[in-house]
Amino acid sequence: MCYVANMTASAADITTAPTDEATVLEHLLATRWSCGAYQDRPVPEETIDRLLTIAQRSASWCNTQPWQVIVTSGEATERFREAMTNSARHNQPKFDFDAPAEYRGVYRERRRASGWQLYQAVGVERGDREASARQAFENFRFFGAPHVAIITTDAVHGAYGAVDTGLYVGTFLLAARSLGLGAIPQAALASHSPLIREHFDIPADRKILVGISFGFADTDHPANNYRTARAPLNEVVTRVRE
């Protein structure tokens, strides 16, 4: 199968079709990005089915597969978009899981660098809080995506169930990329878990982990014309040989 990057030269220079499995995986990882703008057209149902079928192959502890997925299309997406924007305007954030208390050290630096890359791409000036708030609010409009996947996990499985469900999220994102789709995982959506629970009638024994907006990427939009870096191995790996 041929995978060809669909992005600007400044974003990545991987344009050749990989031929071996490791290179295919590396290519998908290198060319995946958090898509910040979408075309106004739906993804065919058969493509969504294939996406979900691929993602379902995710690993989990003892094959428990604790994730459940709600996928919106058409009018369902528009009703949910309206509900989310209304909640974001009038309600305080409330997660099912604890949000990070703060970001320190290198994690703070990486988060800031990522944020400034986005702001520079879309023309938000440093210190313009009104413009940055407008950009952040696009989360609740799903960045214009025609589809949203709400990912929940079984509450009784605790942290390890959330880890398993996180593996599903990662596989979903790579599957979307392999099918020529853009996608973005959004904790911002989970920050309004009470609204999501009510809107989709999600039972109390399910915890809302994240939402994923997805569709065909608008590759001409400036929000899609930058890429974030990854830390070198010596910052994240400790090798023990003796």
C-alpha atoms as a PDB file:
ATOM      1  CA  MET A   1       0.000   0.000   0.000  1.00  0.00           C
ATOM      2  CA  CYS A   2       1.239   3.483  -0.831  1.00  0.00           C
ATOM      3  CA  TYR A   3       1.312   6.237   1.774  1.00  0.00           C
ATOM      4  CA  VAL A   4       2.257   9.683   0.510  1.00  0.00           C
ATOM      5  CA  ALA A   5       2.496  12.745   2.736  1.00  0.00           C
ATOM      6  CA  ASN A   6      -0.046  15.479   2.003  1.00  0.00           C
ATOM      7  CA  MET A   7       1.471  18.588   3.555  1.00  0.00           C
ATOM      8  CA  THR A   8       3.614  21.587   2.786  1.00  0.00           C
ATOM      9  CA  ALA A   9       7.344  21.302   2.247  1.00  0.00           C
ATOM     10  CA  SER A  10       7.943  23.308   5.404  1.00  0.00           C
ATOM     11  CA  ALA A  11       5.964  20.788   7.433  1.00  0.00           C
ATOM     12  CA  ALA A  12       7.669  17.580   6.291  1.00  0.00           C
ATOM     13  CA  ASP A  13       9.795  16.279   3.465  1.00  0.00           C
ATOM     14  CA  ILE A  14       8.695  12.648   3.599  1.00  0.00           C
ATOM     15  CA  THR A  15       7.115  12.132   0.183  1.00  0.00           C
ATOM     16  CA  THR A  16       8.287   8.713  -0.975  1.00  0.00           C
ATOM     17  CA  ALA A  17       6.157   5.619  -0.561  1.00  0.00           C
ATOM     18  CA  PRO A  18       7.566   3.284   2.125  1.00  0.00           C
ATOM     19  CA  THR A  19       7.918  -0.374   1.251  1.00  0.00           C
ATOM     20  CA  ASP A  20       8.652  -2.245   4.496  1.00  0.00           C
ATOM     21  CA  GLU A  21       6.438  -2.425   7.594  1.00  0.00           C
ATOM     22  CA  ALA A  22       8.718  -0.436   9.898  1.00  0.00           C
ATOM     23  CA  THR A  23       9.035   2.352   7.353  1.00  0.00           C
ATOM     24  CA  VAL A  24       5.270   2.422   6.791  1.00  0.00           C
ATOM     25  CA  LEU A  25       4.738   2.860  10.532  1.00  0.00           C
ATOM     26  CA  GLU A  26       7.484   5.469  10.798  1.00  0.00           C
ATOM     27  CA  HIS A  27       5.965   7.311   7.840  1.00  0.00           C
ATOM     28  CA  LEU A  28       2.502   7.389   9.428  1.00  0.00           C
ATOM     29  CA  LEU A  29       3.920   8.657  12.711  1.00  0.00           C
ATOM     30  CA  ALA A  30       6.067  11.280  10.996  1.00  0.00           C
ATOM     31  CA  THR A  31       3.257  12.609   8.810  1.00  0.00           C
ATOM     32  CA  ARG A  32       0.449  12.539  11.371  1.00  0.00           C
ATOM     33  CA  TRP A  33      -0.449  15.881  12.926  1.00  0.00           C
ATOM     34  CA  SER A  34      -3.237  17.373  15.024  1.00  0.00           C
ATOM     35  CA  CYS A  35      -5.516  18.696  12.308  1.00  0.00           C
ATOM     36  CA  GLY A  36      -6.769  22.201  13.071  1.00  0.00           C
ATOM     37  CA  ALA A  37      -9.141  22.806  10.127  1.00  0.00           C
ATOM     38  CA  TYR A  38     -11.349  20.618   7.957  1.00  0.00           C
ATOM     39  CA  GLN A  39     -13.063  20.573   4.599  1.00  0.00           C
ATOM     40  CA  ASP A  40     -16.839  20.945   4.592  1.00  0.00           C
ATOM     41  CA  ARG A  41     -17.594  17.439   3.373  1.00  0.00           C
ATOM     42  CA  PRO A  42     -18.398  14.212   5.214  1.00  0.00           C
ATOM     43  CA  VAL A  43     -16.285  11.094   5.292  1.00  0.00           C
ATOM     44  CA  PRO A  44     -17.995   8.169   3.500  1.00  0.00           C
ATOM     45  CA  GLU A  45     -19.545   5.654   5.882  1.00  0.00           C
ATOM     46  CA  GLU A  46     -17.432   2.822   4.484  1.00  0.00           C
ATOM     47  CA  THR A  47     -14.266   4.810   5.259  1.00  0.00           C
ATOM     48  CA  ILE A  48     -15.430   5.462   8.822  1.00  0.00           C
ATOM     49  CA  ASP A  49     -16.198   1.752   9.202  1.00  0.00           C
ATOM     50  CA  ARG A  50     -12.711   0.863   8.007  1.00  0.00           C
ATOM     51  CA  LEU A  51     -11.170   3.427  10.359  1.00  0.00           C
ATOM     52  CA  LEU A  52     -13.023   1.940  13.326  1.00  0.00           C
ATOM     53  CA  THR A  53     -12.201  -1.617  12.260  1.00  0.00           C
ATOM     54  CA  ILE A  54      -8.489  -0.823  12.100  1.00  0.00           C
ATOM     55  CA  ALA A  55      -8.559   0.997  15.445  1.00  0.00           C
ATOM     56  CA  GLN A  56     -10.325  -1.953  17.058  1.00  0.00           C
ATOM     57  CA  ARG A  57      -7.116  -3.970  16.690  1.00  0.00           C
ATOM     58  CA  SER A  58      -5.581  -1.928  19.535  1.00  0.00           C
ATOM     59  CA  ALA A  59      -3.813  -3.743  22.355  1.00  0.00           C
ATOM     60  CA  SER A  60      -5.308  -3.892  25.854  1.00  0.00           C
ATOM     61  CA  TRP A  61      -4.661  -5.620  29.170  1.00  0.00           C
ATOM     62  CA  CYS A  62      -5.892  -9.234  28.838  1.00  0.00           C
ATOM     63  CA  ASN A  63      -7.748  -8.118  25.702  1.00  0.00           C
ATOM     64  CA  THR A  64     -10.380  -6.387  27.847  1.00  0.00           C
ATOM     65  CA  GLN A  65     -10.920  -3.623  25.246  1.00  0.00           C
ATOM     66  CA  PRO A  66     -12.431  -1.184  27.784  1.00  0.00           C
ATOM     67  CA  TRP A  67     -13.135   1.578  25.265  1.00  0.00           C
ATOM     68  CA  GLN A  68     -16.529   2.540  23.897  1.00  0.00           C
ATOM     69  CA  VAL A  69     -16.869   4.980  21.001  1.00  0.00           C
ATOM     70  CA  ILE A  70     -19.666   7.338  19.957  1.00  0.00           C
ATOM     71  CA  VAL A  71     -19.259   8.691  16.409  1.00  0.00           C
ATOM     72  CA  THR A  72     -21.296  11.610  15.087  1.00  0.00           C
ATOM     73  CA  SER A  73     -22.156  12.493  11.506  1.00  0.00           C
ATOM     74  CA  GLY A  74     -24.388  14.996   9.731  1.00  0.00           C
ATOM     75  CA  GLU A  75     -27.032  16.690  11.862  1.00  0.00           C
ATOM     76  CA  ALA A  76     -25.835  14.828  14.953  1.00  0.00           C
ATOM     77  CA  THR A  77     -22.478  16.594  14.671  1.00  0.00           C
ATOM     78  CA  GLU A  78     -24.173  19.973  14.256  1.00  0.00           C
ATOM     79  CA  ARG A  79     -26.408  19.460  17.302  1.00  0.00           C
ATOM     80  CA  PHE A  80     -23.409  18.386  19.347  1.00  0.00           C
ATOM     81  CA  ARG A  81     -21.359  21.346  18.095  1.00  0.00           C
ATOM     82  CA  GLU A  82     -24.104  23.734  19.199  1.00  0.00           C
ATOM     83  CA  ALA A  83     -24.378  22.048  22.597  1.00  0.00           C
ATOM     84  CA  MET A  84     -20.611  22.140  23.157  1.00  0.00           C
ATOM     85  CA  THR A  85     -20.183  25.796  22.210  1.00  0.00           C
ATOM     86  CA  ASN A  86     -23.083  26.737  24.465  1.00  0.00           C
ATOM     87  CA  SER A  87     -21.591  24.791  27.374  1.00  0.00           C
ATOM     88  CA  ALA A  88     -18.153  26.320  26.791  1.00  0.00           C
ATOM     89  CA  ARG A  89     -19.663  29.812  26.961  1.00  0.00           C
ATOM     90  CA  HIS A  90     -21.713  29.266  30.108  1.00  0.00           C
ATOM     91  CA  ASN A  91     -20.249  26.399  32.165  1.00  0.00           C
ATOM     92  CA  GLN A  92     -17.018  25.872  34.046  1.00  0.00           C
ATOM     93  CA  PRO A  93     -14.766  23.012  32.907  1.00  0.00           C
ATOM     94  CA  LYS A  94     -15.364  19.689  34.634  1.00  0.00           C
ATOM     95  CA  PHE A  95     -13.500  16.527  33.688  1.00  0.00           C
ATOM     96  CA  ASP A  96     -14.236  12.914  34.579  1.00  0.00           C
ATOM     97  CA  PHE A  97     -10.465  12.487  35.057  1.00  0.00           C
ATOM     98  CA  ASP A  98      -8.188  14.858  36.961  1.00  0.00           C
ATOM     99  CA  ALA A  99      -6.688  17.456  34.647  1.00  0.00           C
ATOM    100  CA  PRO A 100      -2.966  18.264  35.038  1.00  0.00           C
ATOM    101  CA  ALA A 101      -2.487  20.461  38.107  1.00  0.00           C
ATOM    102  CA  GLU A 102       0.323  22.314  36.343  1.00  0.00           C
ATOM    103  CA  TYR A 103       3.092  21.920  33.775  1.00  0.00           C
ATOM    104  CA  ARG A 104       6.666  22.207  35.051  1.00  0.00           C
ATOM    105  CA  GLY A 105      10.123  22.335  33.563  1.00  0.00           C
ATOM    106  CA  VAL A 106      10.574  20.748  30.163  1.00  0.00           C
ATOM    107  CA  TYR A 107       6.883  19.849  29.928  1.00  0.00           C
ATOM    108  CA  ARG A 108       5.969  23.505  30.324  1.00  0.00           C
ATOM    109  CA  GLU A 109       8.554  24.446  27.709  1.00  0.00           C
ATOM    110  CA  ARG A 110       7.243  21.893  25.207  1.00  0.00           C
ATOM    111  CA  ARG A 111       3.645  22.958  25.782  1.00  0.00           C
ATOM    112  CA  ARG A 112       4.522  26.613  25.272  1.00  0.00           C
ATOM    113  CA  ALA A 113       6.528  25.878  22.133  1.00  0.00           C
ATOM    114  CA  SER A 114       3.619  23.951  20.644  1.00  0.00           C
ATOM    115  CA  GLY A 115       1.172  26.727  21.487  1.00  0.00           C
ATOM    116  CA  TRP A 116       3.349  29.434  19.971  1.00  0.00           C
ATOM    117  CA  GLN A 117       3.790  27.446  16.786  1.00  0.00           C
ATOM    118  CA  LEU A 118       0.017  27.363  16.400  1.00  0.00           C
ATOM    119  CA  TYR A 119      -0.394  31.050  17.227  1.00  0.00           C
ATOM    120  CA  GLN A 120       2.309  32.060  14.763  1.00  0.00           C
ATOM    121  CA  ALA A 121       0.706  29.913  12.068  1.00  0.00           C
ATOM    122  CA  VAL A 122      -2.758  31.463  12.491  1.00  0.00           C
ATOM    123  CA  GLY A 123      -1.533  35.009  13.149  1.00  0.00           C
ATOM    124  CA  VAL A 124      -2.133  35.398  16.885  1.00  0.00           C
ATOM    125  CA  GLU A 125       0.286  37.975  18.286  1.00  0.00           C
ATOM    126  CA  ARG A 126       2.090  37.365  21.566  1.00  0.00           C
ATOM    127  CA  GLY A 127       0.041  38.821  24.406  1.00  0.00           C
ATOM    128  CA  ASP A 128      -3.210  39.020  22.408  1.00  0.00           C
ATOM    129  CA  ARG A 129      -5.383  37.169  24.895  1.00  0.00           C
ATOM    130  CA  GLU A 130      -8.592  37.863  23.011  1.00  0.00           C
ATOM    131  CA  ALA A 131      -7.255  36.283  19.831  1.00  0.00           C
ATOM    132  CA  SER A 132      -5.770  33.317  21.689  1.00  0.00           C
ATOM    133  CA  ALA A 133      -9.116  32.755  23.442  1.00  0.00           C
ATOM    134  CA  ARG A 134     -10.888  32.783  20.074  1.00  0.00           C
ATOM    135  CA  GLN A 135      -8.477  30.192  18.738  1.00  0.00           C
ATOM    136  CA  ALA A 136      -8.894  28.020  21.842  1.00  0.00           C
ATOM    137  CA  PHE A 137     -12.671  28.213  21.445  1.00  0.00           C
ATOM    138  CA  GLU A 138     -12.339  26.495  18.065  1.00  0.00           C
ATOM    139  CA  ASN A 139     -11.911  23.289  20.076  1.00  0.00           C
ATOM    140  CA  PHE A 140     -15.613  23.407  20.878  1.00  0.00           C
ATOM    141  CA  ARG A 141     -16.489  23.956  17.225  1.00  0.00           C
ATOM    142  CA  PHE A 142     -14.436  20.836  16.469  1.00  0.00           C
ATOM    143  CA  PHE A 143     -12.282  23.005  14.173  1.00  0.00           C
ATOM    144  CA  GLY A 144     -15.027  22.615  11.587  1.00  0.00           C
ATOM    145  CA  ALA A 145     -14.795  18.808  11.474  1.00  0.00           C
ATOM    146  CA  PRO A 146     -17.810  16.889  10.153  1.00  0.00           C
ATOM    147  CA  HIS A 147     -17.347  14.040  12.627  1.00  0.00           C
ATOM    148  CA  VAL A 148     -16.489  13.608  16.296  1.00  0.00           C
ATOM    149  CA  ALA A 149     -15.620  10.429  18.179  1.00  0.00           C
ATOM    150  CA  ILE A 150     -16.247  10.498  21.933  1.00  0.00           C
ATOM    151  CA  ILE A 151     -14.047   7.933  23.661  1.00  0.00           C
ATOM    152  CA  THR A 152     -15.061   6.515  27.040  1.00  0.00           C
ATOM    153  CA  THR A 153     -13.528   3.891  29.290  1.00  0.00           C
ATOM    154  CA  ASP A 154     -14.937   1.626  31.984  1.00  0.00           C
ATOM    155  CA  ALA A 155     -14.637   3.405  35.337  1.00  0.00           C
ATOM    156  CA  VAL A 156     -13.851   0.261  37.355  1.00  0.00           C
ATOM    157  CA  HIS A 157     -10.708  -0.412  35.309  1.00  0.00           C
ATOM    158  CA  GLY A 158      -9.067   2.686  36.764  1.00  0.00           C
ATOM    159  CA  ALA A 159      -5.794   4.045  35.435  1.00  0.00           C
ATOM    160  CA  TYR A 160      -4.939   0.930  33.442  1.00  0.00           C
ATOM    161  CA  GLY A 161      -8.266   1.016  31.648  1.00  0.00           C
ATOM    162  CA  ALA A 162      -7.479   4.610  30.733  1.00  0.00           C
ATOM    163  CA  VAL A 163      -4.044   3.508  29.490  1.00  0.00           C
ATOM    164  CA  ASP A 164      -5.665   0.844  27.310  1.00  0.00           C
ATOM    165  CA  THR A 165      -8.123   3.399  25.968  1.00  0.00           C
ATOM    166  CA  GLY A 166      -5.245   5.774  25.288  1.00  0.00           C
ATOM    167  CA  LEU A 167      -3.671   3.066  23.144  1.00  0.00           C
ATOM    168  CA  TYR A 168      -6.940   2.930  21.206  1.00  0.00           C
ATOM    169  CA  VAL A 169      -6.799   6.691  20.683  1.00  0.00           C
ATOM    170  CA  GLY A 170      -3.269   6.436  19.294  1.00  0.00           C
ATOM    171  CA  THR A 171      -4.250   3.646  16.927  1.00  0.00           C
ATOM    172  CA  PHE A 172      -7.326   5.602  15.806  1.00  0.00           C
ATOM    173  CA  LEU A 173      -5.138   8.591  14.911  1.00  0.00           C
ATOM    174  CA  LEU A 174      -2.724   6.486  12.865  1.00  0.00           C
ATOM    175  CA  ALA A 175      -5.601   4.689  11.161  1.00  0.00           C
ATOM    176  CA  ALA A 176      -7.121   8.037  10.219  1.00  0.00           C
ATOM    177  CA  ARG A 177      -3.808   9.172   8.753  1.00  0.00           C
ATOM    178  CA  SER A 178      -3.462   5.936   6.766  1.00  0.00           C
ATOM    179  CA  LEU A 179      -6.893   6.571   5.219  1.00  0.00           C
ATOM    180  CA  GLY A 180      -6.052  10.119   4.188  1.00  0.00           C
ATOM    181  CA  LEU A 181      -8.018  11.754   7.004  1.00  0.00           C
ATOM    182  CA  GLY A 182      -7.117  14.491   9.454  1.00  0.00           C
ATOM    183  CA  ALA A 183      -7.823  14.021  13.158  1.00  0.00           C
ATOM    184  CA  ILE A 184      -7.149  15.762  16.454  1.00  0.00           C
ATOM    185  CA  PRO A 185      -7.477  14.338  19.991  1.00  0.00           C
ATOM    186  CA  GLN A 186      -9.112  16.913  22.264  1.00  0.00           C
ATOM    187  CA  ALA A 187      -9.067  16.867  26.049  1.00  0.00           C
ATOM    188  CA  ALA A 188     -10.889  20.204  25.736  1.00  0.00           C
ATOM    189  CA  LEU A 189     -14.052  18.329  24.839  1.00  0.00           C
ATOM    190  CA  ALA A 190     -13.726  16.104  27.904  1.00  0.00           C
ATOM    191  CA  SER A 191     -13.547  19.287  30.003  1.00  0.00           C
ATOM    192  CA  HIS A 192     -17.333  19.428  29.571  1.00  0.00           C
ATOM    193  CA  SER A 193     -18.000  15.828  30.533  1.00  0.00           C
ATOM    194  CA  PRO A 194     -21.373  16.546  32.246  1.00  0.00           C
ATOM    195  CA  LEU A 195     -22.736  18.018  29.017  1.00  0.00           C
ATOM    196  CA  ILE A 196     -21.400  15.105  26.947  1.00  0.00           C
ATOM    197  CA  ARG A 197     -22.822  12.567  29.391  1.00  0.00           C
ATOM    198  CA  GLU A 198     -26.259  14.163  29.218  1.00  0.00           C
ATOM    199  CA  HIS A 199     -26.180  14.754  25.464  1.00  0.00           C
ATOM    200  CA  PHE A 200     -25.367  11.136  24.604  1.00  0.00           C
ATOM    201  CA  ASP A 201     -26.974   9.481  27.651  1.00  0.00           C
ATOM    202  CA  ILE A 202     -23.670   7.949  28.760  1.00  0.00           C
ATOM    203  CA  PRO A 203     -24.059   5.805  31.909  1.00  0.00           C
ATOM    204  CA  ALA A 204     -22.281   6.662  35.149  1.00  0.00           C
ATOM    205  CA  ASP A 205     -19.991   3.623  34.954  1.00  0.00           C
ATOM    206  CA  ARG A 206     -18.297   5.077  31.852  1.00  0.00           C
ATOM    207  CA  LYS A 207     -15.660   7.816  32.118  1.00  0.00           C
ATOM    208  CA  ILE A 208     -15.223  10.283  29.265  1.00  0.00           C
ATOM    209  CA  LEU A 209     -11.543  10.313  28.350  1.00  0.00           C
ATOM    210  CA  VAL A 210     -11.256  12.401  25.203  1.00  0.00           C
ATOM    211  CA  GLY A 211     -12.929  13.473  21.986  1.00  0.00           C
ATOM    212  CA  ILE A 212     -11.440  13.138  18.505  1.00  0.00           C
ATOM    213  CA  SER A 213     -12.565  15.461  15.736  1.00  0.00           C
ATOM    214  CA  PHE A 214     -11.882  14.048  12.282  1.00  0.00           C
ATOM    215  CA  GLY A 215     -12.560  14.484   8.579  1.00  0.00           C
ATOM    216  CA  PHE A 216     -10.769  15.564   5.420  1.00  0.00           C
ATOM    217  CA  ALA A 217      -8.073  18.087   6.305  1.00  0.00           C
ATOM    218  CA  ASP A 218      -8.173  21.595   4.875  1.00  0.00           C
ATOM    219  CA  THR A 219      -4.501  21.598   3.932  1.00  0.00           C
ATOM    220  CA  ASP A 220      -4.651  25.218   2.767  1.00  0.00           C
ATOM    221  CA  HIS A 221      -5.576  26.473   6.235  1.00  0.00           C
ATOM    222  CA  PRO A 222      -2.624  27.969   8.162  1.00  0.00           C
ATOM    223  CA  ALA A 223      -3.477  25.902  11.247  1.00  0.00           C
ATOM    224  CA  ASN A 224      -2.396  22.838   9.282  1.00  0.00           C
ATOM    225  CA  ASN A 225       0.886  24.247   8.009  1.00  0.00           C
ATOM    226  CA  TYR A 226       3.196  23.657  10.952  1.00  0.00           C
ATOM    227  CA  ARG A 227       4.464  20.567  12.758  1.00  0.00           C
ATOM    228  CA  THR A 228       5.710  20.000  16.284  1.00  0.00           C
ATOM    229  CA  ALA A 229       9.079  18.427  17.101  1.00  0.00           C
ATOM    230  CA  ARG A 230       9.825  15.410  19.281  1.00  0.00           C
ATOM    231  CA  ALA A 231      12.419  15.174  22.029  1.00  0.00           C
ATOM    232  CA  PRO A 232      15.653  13.286  21.267  1.00  0.00           C
ATOM    233  CA  LEU A 233      16.045   9.837  22.777  1.00  0.00           C
ATOM    234  CA  ASN A 234      18.598  10.988  25.350  1.00  0.00           C
ATOM    235  CA  GLU A 235      15.886  13.135  26.966  1.00  0.00           C
ATOM    236  CA  VAL A 236      13.381  10.316  27.396  1.00  0.00           C
ATOM    237  CA  VAL A 237      15.238   6.978  27.395  1.00  0.00           C
ATOM    238  CA  THR A 238      17.553   5.497  30.028  1.00  0.00           C
ATOM    239  CA  ARG A 239      19.515   2.469  28.819  1.00  0.00           C
ATOM    240  CA  VAL A 240      20.743   0.014  31.467  1.00  0.00           C
ATOM    241  CA  ARG A 241      23.438  -2.386  30.263  1.00  0.00           C
ATOM    242  CA  GLU A 242      25.146  -3.607  33.441  1.00  0.00           C
END
